[in-house]
């Protein structure tokens, strides 16, 4: 079942508005390291994943500080559960880790996807 059109439109907009940590990760992932392909700002149901690896059904989320505030942790858990019910595993990475060591983060994502 395809995602709703409003989710597709949101994904297109988000592709033009990547955050700095997302840009850095995308620069490493878009080269399809070790043959693993990734998509950026990929719509799934009502959600848009920062990155998606279709071969292993893994969603990669780069979480800024807002994800730790208010009701956001609960919302993230509910979203992860919804995705898990559809066979998609979520890998959450703090944006600060990307800014500290982007190469290490990209390598860890690739390893996680290869192991799956």
PDB file of N, CA and C in Angstrom:
ATOM      1  N   UNK A   1       0.837  -1.178   0.000  1.00  0.00           N
ATOM      2  CA  UNK A   1       0.000   0.000   0.000  1.00  0.00           C
ATOM      3  C   UNK A   1       0.887   1.249   0.000  1.00  0.00           C
ATOM      4  N   UNK A   2       0.744   2.103  -0.992  1.00  0.00           N
ATOM      5  CA  UNK A   2       1.599   3.294  -1.063  1.00  0.00           C
ATOM      6  C   UNK A   2       1.274   4.287   0.049  1.00  0.00           C
ATOM      7  N   UNK A   3       2.272   5.102   0.414  1.00  0.00           N
ATOM      8  CA  UNK A   3       2.025   6.097   1.465  1.00  0.00           C
ATOM      9  C   UNK A   3       1.066   7.173   0.958  1.00  0.00           C
ATOM     10  N   UNK A   4       0.383   7.857   1.868  1.00  0.00           N
ATOM     11  CA  UNK A   4      -0.513   8.937   1.476  1.00  0.00           C
ATOM     12  C   UNK A   4       0.245  10.036   0.718  1.00  0.00           C
ATOM     13  N   UNK A   5      -0.421  10.692  -0.201  1.00  0.00           N
ATOM     14  CA  UNK A   5       0.207  11.720  -1.025  1.00  0.00           C
ATOM     15  C   UNK A   5       0.822  12.831  -0.178  1.00  0.00           C
ATOM     16  N   UNK A   6       0.172  13.190   0.949  1.00  0.00           N
ATOM     17  CA  UNK A   6       0.744  14.246   1.789  1.00  0.00           C
ATOM     18  C   UNK A   6       2.073  13.815   2.392  1.00  0.00           C
ATOM     19  N   UNK A   7       2.246  12.519   2.654  1.00  0.00           N
ATOM     20  CA  UNK A   7       3.521  12.023   3.170  1.00  0.00           C
ATOM     21  C   UNK A   7       4.581  12.073   2.083  1.00  0.00           C
ATOM     22  N   UNK A   8       4.203  11.750   0.864  1.00  0.00           N
ATOM     23  CA  UNK A   8       5.137  11.829  -0.265  1.00  0.00           C
ATOM     24  C   UNK A   8       5.575  13.282  -0.481  1.00  0.00           C
ATOM     25  N   UNK A   9       4.636  14.200  -0.404  1.00  0.00           N
ATOM     26  CA  UNK A   9       4.972  15.627  -0.560  1.00  0.00           C
ATOM     27  C   UNK A   9       5.911  16.090   0.555  1.00  0.00           C
ATOM     28  N   UNK A  10       5.649  15.637   1.769  1.00  0.00           N
ATOM     29  CA  UNK A  10       6.508  16.002   2.898  1.00  0.00           C
ATOM     30  C   UNK A  10       7.919  15.453   2.674  1.00  0.00           C
ATOM     31  N   UNK A  11       8.020  14.219   2.194  1.00  0.00           N
ATOM     32  CA  UNK A  11       9.329  13.614   1.934  1.00  0.00           C
ATOM     33  C   UNK A  11      10.092  14.429   0.886  1.00  0.00           C
ATOM     34  N   UNK A  12       9.415  14.850  -0.156  1.00  0.00           N
ATOM     35  CA  UNK A  12      10.071  15.657  -1.196  1.00  0.00           C
ATOM     36  C   UNK A  12      10.592  16.971  -0.616  1.00  0.00           C
ATOM     37  N   UNK A  13       9.782  17.609   0.225  1.00  0.00           N
ATOM     38  CA  UNK A  13      10.198  18.861   0.852  1.00  0.00           C
ATOM     39  C   UNK A  13      11.399  18.629   1.762  1.00  0.00           C
ATOM     40  N   UNK A  14      11.344  17.553   2.563  1.00  0.00           N
ATOM     41  CA  UNK A  14      12.432  17.267   3.493  1.00  0.00           C
ATOM     42  C   UNK A  14      13.739  16.945   2.771  1.00  0.00           C
ATOM     43  N   UNK A  15      13.663  16.378   1.568  1.00  0.00           N
ATOM     44  CA  UNK A  15      14.880  16.105   0.793  1.00  0.00           C
ATOM     45  C   UNK A  15      15.606  17.404   0.445  1.00  0.00           C
ATOM     46  N   UNK A  16      14.842  18.473   0.291  1.00  0.00           N
ATOM     47  CA  UNK A  16      15.441  19.780  -0.022  1.00  0.00           C
ATOM     48  C   UNK A  16      15.922  20.502   1.237  1.00  0.00           C
ATOM     49  N   UNK A  17      15.497  20.031   2.416  1.00  0.00           N
ATOM     50  CA  UNK A  17      15.779  20.729   3.675  1.00  0.00           C
ATOM     51  C   UNK A  17      16.534  19.856   4.679  1.00  0.00           C
ATOM     52  N   UNK A  18      17.451  19.043   4.214  1.00  0.00           N
ATOM     53  CA  UNK A  18      18.192  18.175   5.123  1.00  0.00           C
ATOM     54  C   UNK A  18      18.957  18.997   6.154  1.00  0.00           C
ATOM     55  N   UNK A  19      19.021  18.475   7.370  1.00  0.00           N
ATOM     56  CA  UNK A  19      19.834  19.105   8.408  1.00  0.00           C
ATOM     57  C   UNK A  19      21.305  18.792   8.128  1.00  0.00           C
ATOM     58  N   UNK A  20      22.210  19.509   8.770  1.00  0.00           N
ATOM     59  CA  UNK A  20      23.640  19.252   8.563  1.00  0.00           C
ATOM     60  C   UNK A  20      24.006  17.798   8.883  1.00  0.00           C
ATOM     61  N   UNK A  21      23.582  17.239  10.025  1.00  0.00           N
ATOM     62  CA  UNK A  21      23.918  15.829  10.277  1.00  0.00           C
ATOM     63  C   UNK A  21      23.360  14.892   9.189  1.00  0.00           C
ATOM     64  N   UNK A  22      22.159  15.174   8.681  1.00  0.00           N
ATOM     65  CA  UNK A  22      21.588  14.341   7.616  1.00  0.00           C
ATOM     66  C   UNK A  22      22.406  14.459   6.335  1.00  0.00           C
ATOM     67  N   UNK A  23      22.836  15.667   6.005  1.00  0.00           N
ATOM     68  CA  UNK A  23      23.668  15.876   4.808  1.00  0.00           C
ATOM     69  C   UNK A  23      24.960  15.069   4.933  1.00  0.00           C
ATOM     70  N   UNK A  24      25.589  15.142   6.095  1.00  0.00           N
ATOM     71  CA  UNK A  24      26.854  14.432   6.298  1.00  0.00           C
ATOM     72  C   UNK A  24      26.680  12.920   6.163  1.00  0.00           C
ATOM     73  N   UNK A  25      25.624  12.389   6.770  1.00  0.00           N
ATOM     74  CA  UNK A  25      25.372  10.942   6.677  1.00  0.00           C
ATOM     75  C   UNK A  25      25.042  10.565   5.237  1.00  0.00           C
ATOM     76  N   UNK A  26      24.227  11.364   4.570  1.00  0.00           N
ATOM     77  CA  UNK A  26      23.847  11.058   3.190  1.00  0.00           C
ATOM     78  C   UNK A  26      25.072  11.025   2.275  1.00  0.00           C
ATOM     79  N   UNK A  27      26.035  11.909   2.488  1.00  0.00           N
ATOM     80  CA  UNK A  27      27.244  11.908   1.670  1.00  0.00           C
ATOM     81  C   UNK A  27      27.971  10.564   1.762  1.00  0.00           C
ATOM     82  N   UNK A  28      27.908   9.933   2.922  1.00  0.00           N
ATOM     83  CA  UNK A  28      28.534   8.621   3.078  1.00  0.00           C
ATOM     84  C   UNK A  28      27.684   7.479   2.569  1.00  0.00           C
ATOM     85  N   UNK A  29      26.366   7.571   2.759  1.00  0.00           N
ATOM     86  CA  UNK A  29      25.484   6.458   2.391  1.00  0.00           C
ATOM     87  C   UNK A  29      25.122   6.420   0.910  1.00  0.00           C
ATOM     88  N   UNK A  30      25.075   7.564   0.265  1.00  0.00           N
ATOM     89  CA  UNK A  30      24.591   7.593  -1.123  1.00  0.00           C
ATOM     90  C   UNK A  30      25.528   6.886  -2.090  1.00  0.00           C
ATOM     91  N   UNK A  31      26.744   6.643  -1.672  1.00  0.00           N
ATOM     92  CA  UNK A  31      27.712   5.942  -2.517  1.00  0.00           C
ATOM     93  C   UNK A  31      27.477   4.433  -2.527  1.00  0.00           C
ATOM     94  N   UNK A  32      26.427   3.981  -1.864  1.00  0.00           N
ATOM     95  CA  UNK A  32      26.100   2.552  -1.754  1.00  0.00           C
ATOM     96  C   UNK A  32      27.301   1.756  -1.259  1.00  0.00           C
ATOM     97  N   UNK A  33      27.759   2.035  -0.014  1.00  0.00           N
ATOM     98  CA  UNK A  33      28.926   1.318   0.501  1.00  0.00           C
ATOM     99  C   UNK A  33      28.702  -0.185   0.511  1.00  0.00           C
ATOM    100  N   UNK A  34      29.716  -0.910   0.087  1.00  0.00           N
ATOM    101  CA  UNK A  34      29.705  -2.381  -0.049  1.00  0.00           C
ATOM    102  C   UNK A  34      28.429  -2.886  -0.730  1.00  0.00           C
ATOM    103  N   UNK A  35      27.921  -2.114  -1.674  1.00  0.00           N
ATOM    104  CA  UNK A  35      26.767  -2.543  -2.455  1.00  0.00           C
ATOM    105  C   UNK A  35      25.419  -2.366  -1.779  1.00  0.00           C
ATOM    106  N   UNK A  36      25.393  -1.782  -0.597  1.00  0.00           N
ATOM    107  CA  UNK A  36      24.128  -1.573   0.111  1.00  0.00           C
ATOM    108  C   UNK A  36      23.560  -0.220  -0.308  1.00  0.00           C
ATOM    109  N   UNK A  37      22.331  -0.220  -0.790  1.00  0.00           N
ATOM    110  CA  UNK A  37      21.704   1.013  -1.250  1.00  0.00           C
ATOM    111  C   UNK A  37      20.799   1.605  -0.177  1.00  0.00           C
ATOM    112  N   UNK A  38      20.802   2.926  -0.126  1.00  0.00           N
ATOM    113  CA  UNK A  38      19.990   3.666   0.829  1.00  0.00           C
ATOM    114  C   UNK A  38      19.165   4.715   0.100  1.00  0.00           C
ATOM    115  N   UNK A  39      18.043   5.057   0.684  1.00  0.00           N
ATOM    116  CA  UNK A  39      17.208   6.153   0.198  1.00  0.00           C
ATOM    117  C   UNK A  39      17.162   7.201   1.300  1.00  0.00           C
ATOM    118  N   UNK A  40      17.028   8.461   0.917  1.00  0.00           N
ATOM    119  CA  UNK A  40      16.886   9.517   1.923  1.00  0.00           C
ATOM    120  C   UNK A  40      15.463  10.018   1.943  1.00  0.00           C
ATOM    121  N   UNK A  41      15.017  10.410   3.127  1.00  0.00           N
ATOM    122  CA  UNK A  41      13.670  10.940   3.326  1.00  0.00           C
ATOM    123  C   UNK A  41      12.642  10.059   2.613  1.00  0.00           C
ATOM    124  N   UNK A  42      12.584   8.828   3.058  1.00  0.00           N
ATOM    125  CA  UNK A  42      11.736   7.806   2.423  1.00  0.00           C
ATOM    126  C   UNK A  42      10.379   7.709   3.132  1.00  0.00           C
ATOM    127  N   UNK A  43       9.265   7.918   2.391  1.00  0.00           N
ATOM    128  CA  UNK A  43       7.937   7.825   3.008  1.00  0.00           C
ATOM    129  C   UNK A  43       7.519   6.374   3.248  1.00  0.00           C
ATOM    130  N   UNK A  44       7.001   6.125   4.455  1.00  0.00           N
ATOM    131  CA  UNK A  44       6.459   4.814   4.821  1.00  0.00           C
ATOM    132  C   UNK A  44       5.184   5.081   5.608  1.00  0.00           C
ATOM    133  N   UNK A  45       4.045   4.727   5.055  1.00  0.00           N
ATOM    134  CA  UNK A  45       2.781   5.007   5.729  1.00  0.00           C
ATOM    135  C   UNK A  45       2.688   6.496   6.011  1.00  0.00           C
ATOM    136  N   UNK A  46       2.373   6.865   7.253  1.00  0.00           N
ATOM    137  CA  UNK A  46       2.254   8.295   7.583  1.00  0.00           C
ATOM    138  C   UNK A  46       3.591   8.942   7.957  1.00  0.00           C
ATOM    139  N   UNK A  47       4.679   8.192   7.896  1.00  0.00           N
ATOM    140  CA  UNK A  47       5.975   8.671   8.365  1.00  0.00           C
ATOM    141  C   UNK A  47       6.967   8.865   7.224  1.00  0.00           C
ATOM    142  N   UNK A  48       7.992   9.675   7.497  1.00  0.00           N
ATOM    143  CA  UNK A  48       9.112   9.845   6.578  1.00  0.00           C
ATOM    144  C   UNK A  48      10.374   9.474   7.348  1.00  0.00           C
ATOM    145  N   UNK A  49      11.065   8.454   6.873  1.00  0.00           N
ATOM    146  CA  UNK A  49      12.313   8.015   7.499  1.00  0.00           C
ATOM    147  C   UNK A  49      13.461   8.863   6.972  1.00  0.00           C
ATOM    148  N   UNK A  50      14.396   9.243   7.842  1.00  0.00           N
ATOM    149  CA  UNK A  50      15.545  10.020   7.374  1.00  0.00           C
ATOM    150  C   UNK A  50      16.283   9.250   6.280  1.00  0.00           C
ATOM    151  N   UNK A  51      16.555   7.973   6.544  1.00  0.00           N
ATOM    152  CA  UNK A  51      17.199   7.103   5.560  1.00  0.00           C
ATOM    153  C   UNK A  51      16.545   5.729   5.645  1.00  0.00           C
ATOM    154  N   UNK A  52      16.577   5.014   4.525  1.00  0.00           N
ATOM    155  CA  UNK A  52      15.957   3.693   4.490  1.00  0.00           C
ATOM    156  C   UNK A  52      16.824   2.778   3.647  1.00  0.00           C
ATOM    157  N   UNK A  53      17.064   1.582   4.158  1.00  0.00           N
ATOM    158  CA  UNK A  53      17.792   0.544   3.431  1.00  0.00           C
ATOM    159  C   UNK A  53      16.775  -0.534   3.055  1.00  0.00           C
ATOM    160  N   UNK A  54      16.280  -0.517   1.809  1.00  0.00           N
ATOM    161  CA  UNK A  54      15.205  -1.437   1.434  1.00  0.00           C
ATOM    162  C   UNK A  54      15.593  -2.915   1.461  1.00  0.00           C
ATOM    163  N   UNK A  55      16.857  -3.232   1.192  1.00  0.00           N
ATOM    164  CA  UNK A  55      17.240  -4.642   1.137  1.00  0.00           C
ATOM    165  C   UNK A  55      17.116  -5.341   2.485  1.00  0.00           C
ATOM    166  N   UNK A  56      17.242  -4.584   3.581  1.00  0.00           N
ATOM    167  CA  UNK A  56      17.142  -5.197   4.904  1.00  0.00           C
ATOM    168  C   UNK A  56      16.022  -4.591   5.742  1.00  0.00           C
ATOM    169  N   UNK A  57      15.223  -3.720   5.110  1.00  0.00           N
ATOM    170  CA  UNK A  57      14.096  -3.076   5.788  1.00  0.00           C
ATOM    171  C   UNK A  57      14.546  -2.412   7.094  1.00  0.00           C
ATOM    172  N   UNK A  58      15.524  -1.509   6.955  1.00  0.00           N
ATOM    173  CA  UNK A  58      16.032  -0.765   8.111  1.00  0.00           C
ATOM    174  C   UNK A  58      15.826   0.721   7.879  1.00  0.00           C
ATOM    175  N   UNK A  59      15.230   1.375   8.857  1.00  0.00           N
ATOM    176  CA  UNK A  59      15.076   2.823   8.835  1.00  0.00           C
ATOM    177  C   UNK A  59      16.113   3.435   9.751  1.00  0.00           C
ATOM    178  N   UNK A  60      16.792   4.480   9.275  1.00  0.00           N
ATOM    179  CA  UNK A  60      17.813   5.144  10.068  1.00  0.00           C
ATOM    180  C   UNK A  60      17.317   6.547  10.375  1.00  0.00           C
ATOM    181  N   UNK A  61      17.254   6.875  11.657  1.00  0.00           N
ATOM    182  CA  UNK A  61      16.786   8.178  12.111  1.00  0.00           C
ATOM    183  C   UNK A  61      17.927   8.914  12.785  1.00  0.00           C
ATOM    184  N   UNK A  62      18.171  10.144  12.351  1.00  0.00           N
ATOM    185  CA  UNK A  62      19.169  11.004  12.974  1.00  0.00           C
ATOM    186  C   UNK A  62      18.402  11.936  13.911  1.00  0.00           C
ATOM    187  N   UNK A  63      18.581  11.748  15.198  1.00  0.00           N
ATOM    188  CA  UNK A  63      17.781  12.452  16.200  1.00  0.00           C
ATOM    189  C   UNK A  63      18.512  13.652  16.781  1.00  0.00           C
ATOM    190  N   UNK A  64      17.937  14.832  16.578  1.00  0.00           N
ATOM    191  CA  UNK A  64      18.435  16.045  17.210  1.00  0.00           C
ATOM    192  C   UNK A  64      17.951  16.116  18.650  1.00  0.00           C
ATOM    193  N   UNK A  65      18.315  17.181  19.344  1.00  0.00           N
ATOM    194  CA  UNK A  65      17.970  17.310  20.761  1.00  0.00           C
ATOM    195  C   UNK A  65      16.458  17.351  20.991  1.00  0.00           C
ATOM    196  N   UNK A  66      15.687  17.781  20.015  1.00  0.00           N
ATOM    197  CA  UNK A  66      14.228  17.853  20.183  1.00  0.00           C
ATOM    198  C   UNK A  66      13.621  16.480  20.456  1.00  0.00           C
ATOM    199  N   UNK A  67      14.285  15.425  20.027  1.00  0.00           N
ATOM    200  CA  UNK A  67      13.749  14.071  20.247  1.00  0.00           C
ATOM    201  C   UNK A  67      13.770  13.669  21.720  1.00  0.00           C
ATOM    202  N   UNK A  68      14.526  14.403  22.532  1.00  0.00           N
ATOM    203  CA  UNK A  68      14.606  14.112  23.966  1.00  0.00           C
ATOM    204  C   UNK A  68      13.626  14.941  24.789  1.00  0.00           C
ATOM    205  N   UNK A  69      12.889  15.818  24.139  1.00  0.00           N
ATOM    206  CA  UNK A  69      12.044  16.767  24.869  1.00  0.00           C
ATOM    207  C   UNK A  69      10.569  16.388  24.847  1.00  0.00           C
ATOM    208  N   UNK A  70       9.897  16.759  25.926  1.00  0.00           N
ATOM    209  CA  UNK A  70       8.443  16.623  25.993  1.00  0.00           C
ATOM    210  C   UNK A  70       7.958  15.214  25.707  1.00  0.00           C
ATOM    211  N   UNK A  71       6.973  15.139  24.833  1.00  0.00           N
ATOM    212  CA  UNK A  71       6.347  13.872  24.470  1.00  0.00           C
ATOM    213  C   UNK A  71       7.063  13.165  23.321  1.00  0.00           C
ATOM    214  N   UNK A  72       8.121  13.769  22.809  1.00  0.00           N
ATOM    215  CA  UNK A  72       8.808  13.204  21.646  1.00  0.00           C
ATOM    216  C   UNK A  72       9.371  11.802  21.863  1.00  0.00           C
ATOM    217  N   UNK A  73       9.970  11.491  23.023  1.00  0.00           N
ATOM    218  CA  UNK A  73      10.450  10.116  23.202  1.00  0.00           C
ATOM    219  C   UNK A  73       9.317   9.084  23.088  1.00  0.00           C
ATOM    220  N   UNK A  74       8.161   9.409  23.642  1.00  0.00           N
ATOM    221  CA  UNK A  74       7.014   8.496  23.542  1.00  0.00           C
ATOM    222  C   UNK A  74       6.547   8.385  22.090  1.00  0.00           C
ATOM    223  N   UNK A  75       6.499   9.509  21.396  1.00  0.00           N
ATOM    224  CA  UNK A  75       6.090   9.496  19.980  1.00  0.00           C
ATOM    225  C   UNK A  75       7.057   8.668  19.146  1.00  0.00           C
ATOM    226  N   UNK A  76       8.364   8.812  19.422  1.00  0.00           N
ATOM    227  CA  UNK A  76       9.362   8.022  18.704  1.00  0.00           C
ATOM    228  C   UNK A  76       9.167   6.529  18.968  1.00  0.00           C
ATOM    229  N   UNK A  77       8.883   6.168  20.208  1.00  0.00           N
ATOM    230  CA  UNK A  77       8.662   4.756  20.554  1.00  0.00           C
ATOM    231  C   UNK A  77       7.432   4.208  19.841  1.00  0.00           C
ATOM    232  N   UNK A  78       6.373   5.002  19.776  1.00  0.00           N
ATOM    233  CA  UNK A  78       5.153   4.575  19.078  1.00  0.00           C
ATOM    234  C   UNK A  78       5.418   4.413  17.585  1.00  0.00           C
ATOM    235  N   UNK A  79       6.157   5.335  17.025  1.00  0.00           N
ATOM    236  CA  UNK A  79       6.511   5.276  15.599  1.00  0.00           C
ATOM    237  C   UNK A  79       7.364   4.039  15.321  1.00  0.00           C
ATOM    238  N   UNK A  80       8.372   3.787  16.179  1.00  0.00           N
ATOM    239  CA  UNK A  80       9.227   2.617  16.012  1.00  0.00           C
ATOM    240  C   UNK A  80       8.409   1.326  16.096  1.00  0.00           C
ATOM    241  N   UNK A  81       7.438   1.284  17.008  1.00  0.00           N
ATOM    242  CA  UNK A  81       6.580   0.100  17.145  1.00  0.00           C
ATOM    243  C   UNK A  81       5.746  -0.092  15.881  1.00  0.00           C
ATOM    244  N   UNK A  82       5.198   0.990  15.337  1.00  0.00           N
ATOM    245  CA  UNK A  82       4.401   0.917  14.105  1.00  0.00           C
ATOM    246  C   UNK A  82       5.252   0.368  12.968  1.00  0.00           C
ATOM    247  N   UNK A  83       6.467   0.863  12.852  1.00  0.00           N
ATOM    248  CA  UNK A  83       7.376   0.393  11.800  1.00  0.00           C
ATOM    249  C   UNK A  83       7.745  -1.074  12.014  1.00  0.00           C
ATOM    250  N   UNK A  84       8.043  -1.433  13.274  1.00  0.00           N
ATOM    251  CA  UNK A  84       8.412  -2.818  13.597  1.00  0.00           C
ATOM    252  C   UNK A  84       7.298  -3.791  13.219  1.00  0.00           C
ATOM    253  N   UNK A  85       6.036  -3.386  13.429  1.00  0.00           N
ATOM    254  CA  UNK A  85       4.904  -4.234  13.043  1.00  0.00           C
ATOM    255  C   UNK A  85       4.876  -4.495  11.546  1.00  0.00           C
ATOM    256  N   UNK A  86       5.522  -3.629  10.791  1.00  0.00           N
ATOM    257  CA  UNK A  86       5.575  -3.773   9.336  1.00  0.00           C
ATOM    258  C   UNK A  86       6.928  -4.313   8.870  1.00  0.00           C
ATOM    259  N   UNK A  87       7.704  -4.822   9.816  1.00  0.00           N
ATOM    260  CA  UNK A  87       8.976  -5.463   9.487  1.00  0.00           C
ATOM    261  C   UNK A  87      10.146  -4.531   9.293  1.00  0.00           C
ATOM    262  N   UNK A  88      10.002  -3.265   9.687  1.00  0.00           N
ATOM    263  CA  UNK A  88      11.084  -2.294   9.522  1.00  0.00           C
ATOM    264  C   UNK A  88      11.723  -2.028  10.878  1.00  0.00           C
ATOM    265  N   UNK A  89      13.011  -2.290  10.962  1.00  0.00           N
ATOM    266  CA  UNK A  89      13.759  -2.021  12.188  1.00  0.00           C
ATOM    267  C   UNK A  89      14.284  -0.594  12.146  1.00  0.00           C
ATOM    268  N   UNK A  90      14.176   0.119  13.238  1.00  0.00           N
ATOM    269  CA  UNK A  90      14.645   1.495  13.314  1.00  0.00           C
ATOM    270  C   UNK A  90      15.984   1.562  14.038  1.00  0.00           C
ATOM    271  N   UNK A  91      16.910   2.262  13.429  1.00  0.00           N
ATOM    272  CA  UNK A  91      18.207   2.525  14.038  1.00  0.00           C
ATOM    273  C   UNK A  91      18.239   4.025  14.336  1.00  0.00           C
ATOM    274  N   UNK A  92      18.331   4.387  15.607  1.00  0.00           N
ATOM    275  CA  UNK A  92      18.333   5.801  16.002  1.00  0.00           C
ATOM    276  C   UNK A  92      19.749   6.231  16.385  1.00  0.00           C
ATOM    277  N   UNK A  93      20.164   7.342  15.806  1.00  0.00           N
ATOM    278  CA  UNK A  93      21.509   7.864  16.039  1.00  0.00           C
ATOM    279  C   UNK A  93      21.399   9.324  16.455  1.00  0.00           C
ATOM    280  N   UNK A  94      21.985   9.680  17.594  1.00  0.00           N
ATOM    281  CA  UNK A  94      21.970  11.096  17.993  1.00  0.00           C
ATOM    282  C   UNK A  94      22.759  11.954  16.997  1.00  0.00           C
ATOM    283  N   UNK A  95      22.207  13.102  16.660  1.00  0.00           N
ATOM    284  CA  UNK A  95      22.865  14.012  15.715  1.00  0.00           C
ATOM    285  C   UNK A  95      24.245  14.415  16.223  1.00  0.00           C
ATOM    286  N   UNK A  96      24.406  14.543  17.536  1.00  0.00           N
ATOM    287  CA  UNK A  96      25.701  14.929  18.078  1.00  0.00           C
ATOM    288  C   UNK A  96      26.774  13.886  17.758  1.00  0.00           C
ATOM    289  N   UNK A  97      26.386  12.604  17.675  1.00  0.00           N
ATOM    290  CA  UNK A  97      27.352  11.561  17.306  1.00  0.00           C
ATOM    291  C   UNK A  97      27.800  11.737  15.858  1.00  0.00           C
ATOM    292  N   UNK A  98      26.879  12.132  14.998  1.00  0.00           N
ATOM    293  CA  UNK A  98      27.219  12.376  13.589  1.00  0.00           C
ATOM    294  C   UNK A  98      28.231  13.520  13.504  1.00  0.00           C
ATOM    295  N   UNK A  99      27.970  14.590  14.244  1.00  0.00           N
ATOM    296  CA  UNK A  99      28.851  15.751  14.187  1.00  0.00           C
ATOM    297  C   UNK A  99      30.235  15.451  14.765  1.00  0.00           C
ATOM    298  N   UNK A 100      30.306  14.526  15.709  1.00  0.00           N
ATOM    299  CA  UNK A 100      31.593  14.146  16.310  1.00  0.00           C
ATOM    300  C   UNK A 100      32.399  13.214  15.399  1.00  0.00           C
ATOM    301  N   UNK A 101      31.706  12.277  14.735  1.00  0.00           N
ATOM    302  CA  UNK A 101      32.425  11.242  13.970  1.00  0.00           C
ATOM    303  C   UNK A 101      31.529  10.682  12.866  1.00  0.00           C
ATOM    304  N   UNK A 102      31.359  11.443  11.813  1.00  0.00           N
ATOM    305  CA  UNK A 102      30.456  11.021  10.748  1.00  0.00           C
ATOM    306  C   UNK A 102      30.919   9.719  10.109  1.00  0.00           C
ATOM    307  N   UNK A 103      32.220   9.555   9.900  1.00  0.00           N
ATOM    308  CA  UNK A 103      32.706   8.320   9.270  1.00  0.00           C
ATOM    309  C   UNK A 103      32.400   7.102  10.137  1.00  0.00           C
ATOM    310  N   UNK A 104      32.559   7.248  11.445  1.00  0.00           N
ATOM    311  CA  UNK A 104      32.242   6.157  12.358  1.00  0.00           C
ATOM    312  C   UNK A 104      30.761   5.820  12.347  1.00  0.00           C
ATOM    313  N   UNK A 105      29.904   6.855  12.279  1.00  0.00           N
ATOM    314  CA  UNK A 105      28.455   6.629  12.231  1.00  0.00           C
ATOM    315  C   UNK A 105      28.071   5.919  10.941  1.00  0.00           C
ATOM    316  N   UNK A 106      28.595   6.385   9.810  1.00  0.00           N
ATOM    317  CA  UNK A 106      28.276   5.745   8.524  1.00  0.00           C
ATOM    318  C   UNK A 106      28.744   4.286   8.543  1.00  0.00           C
ATOM    319  N   UNK A 107      29.937   4.046   9.064  1.00  0.00           N
ATOM    320  CA  UNK A 107      30.446   2.667   9.144  1.00  0.00           C
ATOM    321  C   UNK A 107      29.545   1.806  10.024  1.00  0.00           C
ATOM    322  N   UNK A 108      29.077   2.346  11.145  1.00  0.00           N
ATOM    323  CA  UNK A 108      28.197   1.597  12.039  1.00  0.00           C
ATOM    324  C   UNK A 108      26.864   1.284  11.365  1.00  0.00           C
ATOM    325  N   UNK A 109      26.336   2.220  10.594  1.00  0.00           N
ATOM    326  CA  UNK A 109      25.084   1.976   9.869  1.00  0.00           C
ATOM    327  C   UNK A 109      25.277   0.849   8.870  1.00  0.00           C
ATOM    328  N   UNK A 110      26.365   0.891   8.135  1.00  0.00           N
ATOM    329  CA  UNK A 110      26.637  -0.137   7.133  1.00  0.00           C
ATOM    330  C   UNK A 110      26.779  -1.504   7.792  1.00  0.00           C
ATOM    331  N   UNK A 111      27.511  -1.559   8.902  1.00  0.00           N
ATOM    332  CA  UNK A 111      27.683  -2.836   9.633  1.00  0.00           C
ATOM    333  C   UNK A 111      26.326  -3.351  10.107  1.00  0.00           C
ATOM    334  N   UNK A 112      25.510  -2.466  10.681  1.00  0.00           N
ATOM    335  CA  UNK A 112      24.176  -2.889  11.170  1.00  0.00           C
ATOM    336  C   UNK A 112      23.338  -3.440  10.035  1.00  0.00           C
ATOM    337  N   UNK A 113      23.407  -2.817   8.871  1.00  0.00           N
ATOM    338  CA  UNK A 113      22.618  -3.292   7.724  1.00  0.00           C
ATOM    339  C   UNK A 113      23.179  -4.583   7.153  1.00  0.00           C
ATOM    340  N   UNK A 114      24.489  -4.733   7.141  1.00  0.00           N
ATOM    341  CA  UNK A 114      25.097  -5.979   6.636  1.00  0.00           C
ATOM    342  C   UNK A 114      24.767  -7.151   7.541  1.00  0.00           C
ATOM    343  N   UNK A 115      24.720  -6.905   8.865  1.00  0.00           N
ATOM    344  CA  UNK A 115      24.437  -7.971   9.814  1.00  0.00           C
ATOM    345  C   UNK A 115      22.993  -8.424   9.753  1.00  0.00           C
ATOM    346  N   UNK A 116      22.138  -7.563   9.273  1.00  0.00           N
ATOM    347  CA  UNK A 116      20.725  -7.912   9.190  1.00  0.00           C
ATOM    348  C   UNK A 116      20.527  -8.745   7.960  1.00  0.00           C
TER     349      UNK A 116
END
